[in-house]
N, C-alpha and C. Protein backbone atom coordinates (compact mmCIF):
# COMPACT_ATOMS: atom_id res chain seq x y z
N UNK A 1 -30.81 -21.14 22.14
CA UNK A 1 -29.50 -21.39 21.58
C UNK A 1 -29.28 -20.54 20.33
N UNK A 2 -30.27 -20.52 19.44
CA UNK A 2 -30.13 -19.73 18.21
C UNK A 2 -30.02 -18.25 18.55
N UNK A 3 -30.72 -17.82 19.61
CA UNK A 3 -30.65 -16.41 19.97
C UNK A 3 -29.25 -16.05 20.48
N UNK A 4 -28.58 -16.97 21.16
CA UNK A 4 -27.21 -16.71 21.61
C UNK A 4 -26.26 -16.57 20.44
N UNK A 5 -26.43 -17.42 19.43
CA UNK A 5 -25.58 -17.34 18.24
C UNK A 5 -25.84 -16.02 17.53
N UNK A 6 -27.12 -15.66 17.37
CA UNK A 6 -27.48 -14.41 16.70
C UNK A 6 -26.90 -13.21 17.46
N UNK A 7 -27.04 -13.22 18.78
CA UNK A 7 -26.53 -12.13 19.60
C UNK A 7 -25.01 -12.02 19.46
N UNK A 8 -24.33 -13.15 19.45
CA UNK A 8 -22.88 -13.16 19.30
C UNK A 8 -22.45 -12.61 17.95
N UNK A 9 -23.14 -13.03 16.88
CA UNK A 9 -22.81 -12.53 15.54
C UNK A 9 -23.06 -11.03 15.43
N UNK A 10 -24.19 -10.58 15.95
CA UNK A 10 -24.53 -9.16 15.90
C UNK A 10 -23.51 -8.34 16.68
N UNK A 11 -23.13 -8.82 17.84
CA UNK A 11 -22.13 -8.13 18.65
C UNK A 11 -20.81 -8.03 17.90
N UNK A 12 -20.43 -9.10 17.22
CA UNK A 12 -19.17 -9.11 16.46
C UNK A 12 -19.23 -8.10 15.31
N UNK A 13 -20.33 -8.07 14.57
CA UNK A 13 -20.48 -7.16 13.43
C UNK A 13 -20.49 -5.71 13.90
N UNK A 14 -21.25 -5.41 14.93
CA UNK A 14 -21.32 -4.04 15.44
C UNK A 14 -19.97 -3.62 15.99
N UNK A 15 -19.30 -4.50 16.69
CA UNK A 15 -17.97 -4.19 17.22
C UNK A 15 -16.98 -3.92 16.12
N UNK A 16 -17.04 -4.70 15.05
CA UNK A 16 -16.13 -4.50 13.92
C UNK A 16 -16.39 -3.18 13.23
N UNK A 17 -17.65 -2.78 13.16
CA UNK A 17 -17.99 -1.51 12.51
C UNK A 17 -17.47 -0.32 13.30
N UNK A 18 -17.35 -0.46 14.61
CA UNK A 18 -16.90 0.64 15.45
C UNK A 18 -15.38 0.78 15.48
N UNK A 19 -14.66 -0.31 15.15
CA UNK A 19 -13.20 -0.27 15.19
C UNK A 19 -12.64 0.37 13.93
N UNK A 20 -11.68 1.29 14.09
CA UNK A 20 -11.03 1.83 12.89
C UNK A 20 -10.14 0.78 12.26
N UNK A 21 -9.85 0.95 10.98
CA UNK A 21 -8.98 -0.01 10.31
C UNK A 21 -7.58 0.11 10.88
N UNK A 22 -6.79 -0.93 10.71
CA UNK A 22 -5.42 -0.96 11.23
C UNK A 22 -4.61 0.21 10.69
N UNK A 23 -4.75 0.48 9.40
CA UNK A 23 -3.97 1.54 8.76
C UNK A 23 -4.24 2.89 9.44
N UNK A 24 -5.50 3.21 9.69
CA UNK A 24 -5.83 4.50 10.26
C UNK A 24 -5.48 4.58 11.74
N UNK A 25 -5.47 3.45 12.43
CA UNK A 25 -5.09 3.47 13.83
C UNK A 25 -3.62 3.84 13.99
N UNK A 26 -2.80 3.44 13.03
CA UNK A 26 -1.37 3.69 13.14
C UNK A 26 -1.00 5.07 12.62
N UNK A 27 -1.90 5.80 12.05
CA UNK A 27 -1.59 7.12 11.52
C UNK A 27 -1.07 7.04 10.11
N UNK A 28 -0.11 7.88 9.81
CA UNK A 28 0.44 7.98 8.46
C UNK A 28 1.15 6.68 8.05
N UNK A 29 0.78 6.16 6.89
CA UNK A 29 1.37 4.92 6.38
C UNK A 29 2.26 5.25 5.19
N UNK A 30 3.50 4.80 5.22
CA UNK A 30 4.41 5.01 4.10
C UNK A 30 4.27 3.85 3.13
N UNK A 31 4.11 4.18 1.84
CA UNK A 31 3.91 3.19 0.79
C UNK A 31 4.90 3.44 -0.33
N UNK A 32 5.55 2.38 -0.80
CA UNK A 32 6.46 2.50 -1.94
C UNK A 32 5.62 2.54 -3.21
N UNK A 33 5.81 3.57 -4.01
CA UNK A 33 5.08 3.73 -5.27
C UNK A 33 6.04 3.51 -6.42
N UNK A 34 5.71 2.55 -7.27
CA UNK A 34 6.54 2.22 -8.43
C UNK A 34 5.70 2.51 -9.67
N UNK A 35 5.89 3.69 -10.29
CA UNK A 35 5.04 4.06 -11.43
C UNK A 35 5.15 3.12 -12.62
N UNK A 36 6.31 2.54 -12.85
CA UNK A 36 6.47 1.65 -13.99
C UNK A 36 6.63 2.41 -15.29
N UNK A 37 6.35 1.74 -16.41
CA UNK A 37 6.51 2.32 -17.73
C UNK A 37 5.14 2.44 -18.41
N UNK A 38 5.14 2.93 -19.64
CA UNK A 38 3.90 3.02 -20.41
C UNK A 38 2.92 3.98 -19.75
N UNK A 39 1.71 3.48 -19.47
CA UNK A 39 0.70 4.33 -18.85
C UNK A 39 0.81 4.33 -17.33
N UNK A 40 1.75 3.58 -16.80
CA UNK A 40 1.93 3.49 -15.35
C UNK A 40 2.07 4.82 -14.63
N UNK A 41 2.92 5.74 -15.15
CA UNK A 41 3.05 7.03 -14.48
C UNK A 41 1.73 7.81 -14.41
N UNK A 42 0.94 7.77 -15.50
CA UNK A 42 -0.35 8.47 -15.50
C UNK A 42 -1.30 7.84 -14.49
N UNK A 43 -1.34 6.52 -14.47
CA UNK A 43 -2.21 5.82 -13.53
C UNK A 43 -1.78 6.11 -12.09
N UNK A 44 -0.49 6.14 -11.86
CA UNK A 44 0.02 6.40 -10.51
C UNK A 44 -0.38 7.78 -10.02
N UNK A 45 -0.31 8.78 -10.89
CA UNK A 45 -0.73 10.13 -10.51
C UNK A 45 -2.21 10.13 -10.17
N UNK A 46 -3.02 9.45 -10.98
CA UNK A 46 -4.46 9.39 -10.71
C UNK A 46 -4.75 8.70 -9.38
N UNK A 47 -4.04 7.62 -9.11
CA UNK A 47 -4.24 6.89 -7.85
C UNK A 47 -3.88 7.77 -6.66
N UNK A 48 -2.77 8.51 -6.77
CA UNK A 48 -2.38 9.40 -5.67
C UNK A 48 -3.45 10.46 -5.43
N UNK A 49 -4.05 10.99 -6.49
CA UNK A 49 -5.11 12.00 -6.35
C UNK A 49 -6.34 11.40 -5.68
N UNK A 50 -6.67 10.16 -6.04
CA UNK A 50 -7.83 9.49 -5.43
C UNK A 50 -7.60 9.29 -3.94
N UNK A 51 -6.43 8.80 -3.57
CA UNK A 51 -6.12 8.60 -2.15
C UNK A 51 -6.14 9.93 -1.40
N UNK A 52 -5.63 10.99 -2.04
CA UNK A 52 -5.63 12.31 -1.41
C UNK A 52 -7.06 12.81 -1.21
N UNK A 53 -7.92 12.64 -2.23
CA UNK A 53 -9.31 13.08 -2.12
C UNK A 53 -10.06 12.31 -1.04
N UNK A 54 -9.70 11.05 -0.86
CA UNK A 54 -10.33 10.22 0.18
C UNK A 54 -9.71 10.46 1.56
N UNK A 55 -8.73 11.34 1.61
CA UNK A 55 -8.04 11.69 2.86
C UNK A 55 -7.40 10.46 3.53
N UNK A 56 -6.85 9.58 2.70
CA UNK A 56 -6.15 8.41 3.22
C UNK A 56 -4.76 8.86 3.67
N UNK A 57 -4.39 8.57 4.91
CA UNK A 57 -3.10 9.04 5.42
C UNK A 57 -1.91 8.24 4.88
N UNK A 58 -1.51 8.58 3.66
CA UNK A 58 -0.40 7.87 3.01
C UNK A 58 0.70 8.85 2.66
N UNK A 59 1.91 8.42 2.90
CA UNK A 59 3.10 9.14 2.45
C UNK A 59 3.72 8.25 1.38
N UNK A 60 3.86 8.78 0.18
CA UNK A 60 4.38 7.99 -0.94
C UNK A 60 5.89 8.11 -1.03
N UNK A 61 6.54 6.99 -1.29
CA UNK A 61 7.97 6.96 -1.60
C UNK A 61 8.07 6.44 -3.03
N UNK A 62 8.27 7.34 -3.97
CA UNK A 62 8.33 6.94 -5.37
C UNK A 62 9.70 6.35 -5.70
N UNK A 63 9.70 5.18 -6.33
CA UNK A 63 10.94 4.50 -6.68
C UNK A 63 10.89 4.00 -8.11
N UNK A 64 12.06 3.90 -8.73
CA UNK A 64 12.21 3.42 -10.09
C UNK A 64 12.69 1.98 -10.04
N UNK A 65 12.12 1.10 -10.85
CA UNK A 65 12.56 -0.30 -10.85
C UNK A 65 13.23 -0.69 -12.16
N UNK A 66 13.65 0.29 -12.94
CA UNK A 66 14.38 -0.04 -14.15
C UNK A 66 15.64 -0.80 -13.75
N UNK A 67 15.83 -1.97 -14.35
CA UNK A 67 16.95 -2.84 -13.98
C UNK A 67 18.29 -2.15 -14.20
N UNK A 68 19.20 -2.42 -13.28
CA UNK A 68 20.57 -1.91 -13.40
C UNK A 68 21.51 -3.11 -13.42
N UNK A 69 22.68 -2.90 -13.98
CA UNK A 69 23.65 -3.98 -14.02
C UNK A 69 24.48 -3.94 -12.74
N UNK A 70 24.40 -5.01 -11.99
CA UNK A 70 25.10 -5.09 -10.72
C UNK A 70 26.44 -5.78 -10.85
N UNK A 71 27.03 -6.12 -9.71
CA UNK A 71 28.32 -6.80 -9.71
C UNK A 71 28.25 -8.12 -10.49
N UNK A 72 29.28 -8.39 -11.25
CA UNK A 72 29.32 -9.63 -12.02
C UNK A 72 28.46 -9.60 -13.26
N UNK A 73 27.93 -8.42 -13.60
CA UNK A 73 27.12 -8.29 -14.81
C UNK A 73 25.68 -8.74 -14.67
N UNK A 74 25.25 -9.10 -13.48
CA UNK A 74 23.86 -9.53 -13.26
C UNK A 74 22.94 -8.32 -13.22
N UNK A 75 21.74 -8.48 -13.81
CA UNK A 75 20.75 -7.40 -13.79
C UNK A 75 19.92 -7.51 -12.52
N UNK A 76 19.61 -6.37 -11.93
CA UNK A 76 18.87 -6.35 -10.67
C UNK A 76 18.09 -5.05 -10.55
N UNK A 77 17.11 -5.04 -9.64
CA UNK A 77 16.41 -3.78 -9.39
C UNK A 77 17.32 -2.90 -8.54
N UNK A 78 17.15 -1.59 -8.63
CA UNK A 78 18.00 -0.70 -7.84
C UNK A 78 17.87 -0.98 -6.34
N UNK A 79 18.99 -0.94 -5.62
CA UNK A 79 18.96 -1.22 -4.18
C UNK A 79 18.03 -0.30 -3.39
N UNK A 80 17.90 0.98 -3.80
CA UNK A 80 17.03 1.88 -3.04
C UNK A 80 15.57 1.45 -3.13
N UNK A 81 15.17 0.85 -4.25
CA UNK A 81 13.80 0.36 -4.39
C UNK A 81 13.58 -0.85 -3.47
N UNK A 82 14.50 -1.76 -3.47
CA UNK A 82 14.39 -2.94 -2.60
C UNK A 82 14.38 -2.52 -1.13
N UNK A 83 15.22 -1.58 -0.77
CA UNK A 83 15.29 -1.10 0.61
C UNK A 83 13.95 -0.47 1.01
N UNK A 84 13.37 0.31 0.12
CA UNK A 84 12.08 0.95 0.40
C UNK A 84 10.99 -0.10 0.61
N UNK A 85 10.94 -1.10 -0.26
CA UNK A 85 9.93 -2.17 -0.12
C UNK A 85 10.15 -2.97 1.17
N UNK A 86 11.40 -3.25 1.50
CA UNK A 86 11.69 -3.99 2.74
C UNK A 86 11.25 -3.20 3.96
N UNK A 87 11.41 -1.89 3.91
CA UNK A 87 11.07 -1.05 5.06
C UNK A 87 9.58 -0.80 5.18
N UNK A 88 8.92 -0.46 4.05
CA UNK A 88 7.49 -0.11 4.12
C UNK A 88 6.58 -1.33 4.14
N UNK A 89 7.04 -2.42 3.56
CA UNK A 89 6.26 -3.66 3.46
C UNK A 89 5.01 -3.52 2.60
N UNK A 90 4.83 -2.36 1.98
CA UNK A 90 3.67 -2.13 1.12
C UNK A 90 4.16 -1.43 -0.14
N UNK A 91 3.72 -1.93 -1.28
CA UNK A 91 4.11 -1.31 -2.54
C UNK A 91 2.93 -1.26 -3.48
N UNK A 92 2.92 -0.25 -4.32
CA UNK A 92 1.89 -0.10 -5.34
C UNK A 92 2.61 0.14 -6.65
N UNK A 93 2.37 -0.74 -7.63
CA UNK A 93 3.06 -0.62 -8.91
C UNK A 93 2.08 -0.25 -10.00
N UNK A 94 2.48 0.74 -10.81
CA UNK A 94 1.70 1.10 -11.99
C UNK A 94 1.84 0.02 -13.04
N UNK A 95 1.20 0.22 -14.13
CA UNK A 95 1.21 -0.79 -15.20
C UNK A 95 2.47 -0.75 -15.98
């Protein structure tokens, strides 16, 4: 009985190691990049270089989230940033 459990666990681990991650199976992944303020832009540039060096298949969509005044005087994030996040479902924000 214990050998069956061990065999099952080993098979699961070996099988998982052979499978590529979801991101790489789908090819190029689009990610919304929000550099932010302060040191955020510098950090964002460094992160992009790290991903490039690691050959991660990412296409960056850089967006600004500085609040704008919308209808009725309400403050909101720019619509293009929200649209990008809704479409890509993945975002990376600097500090």
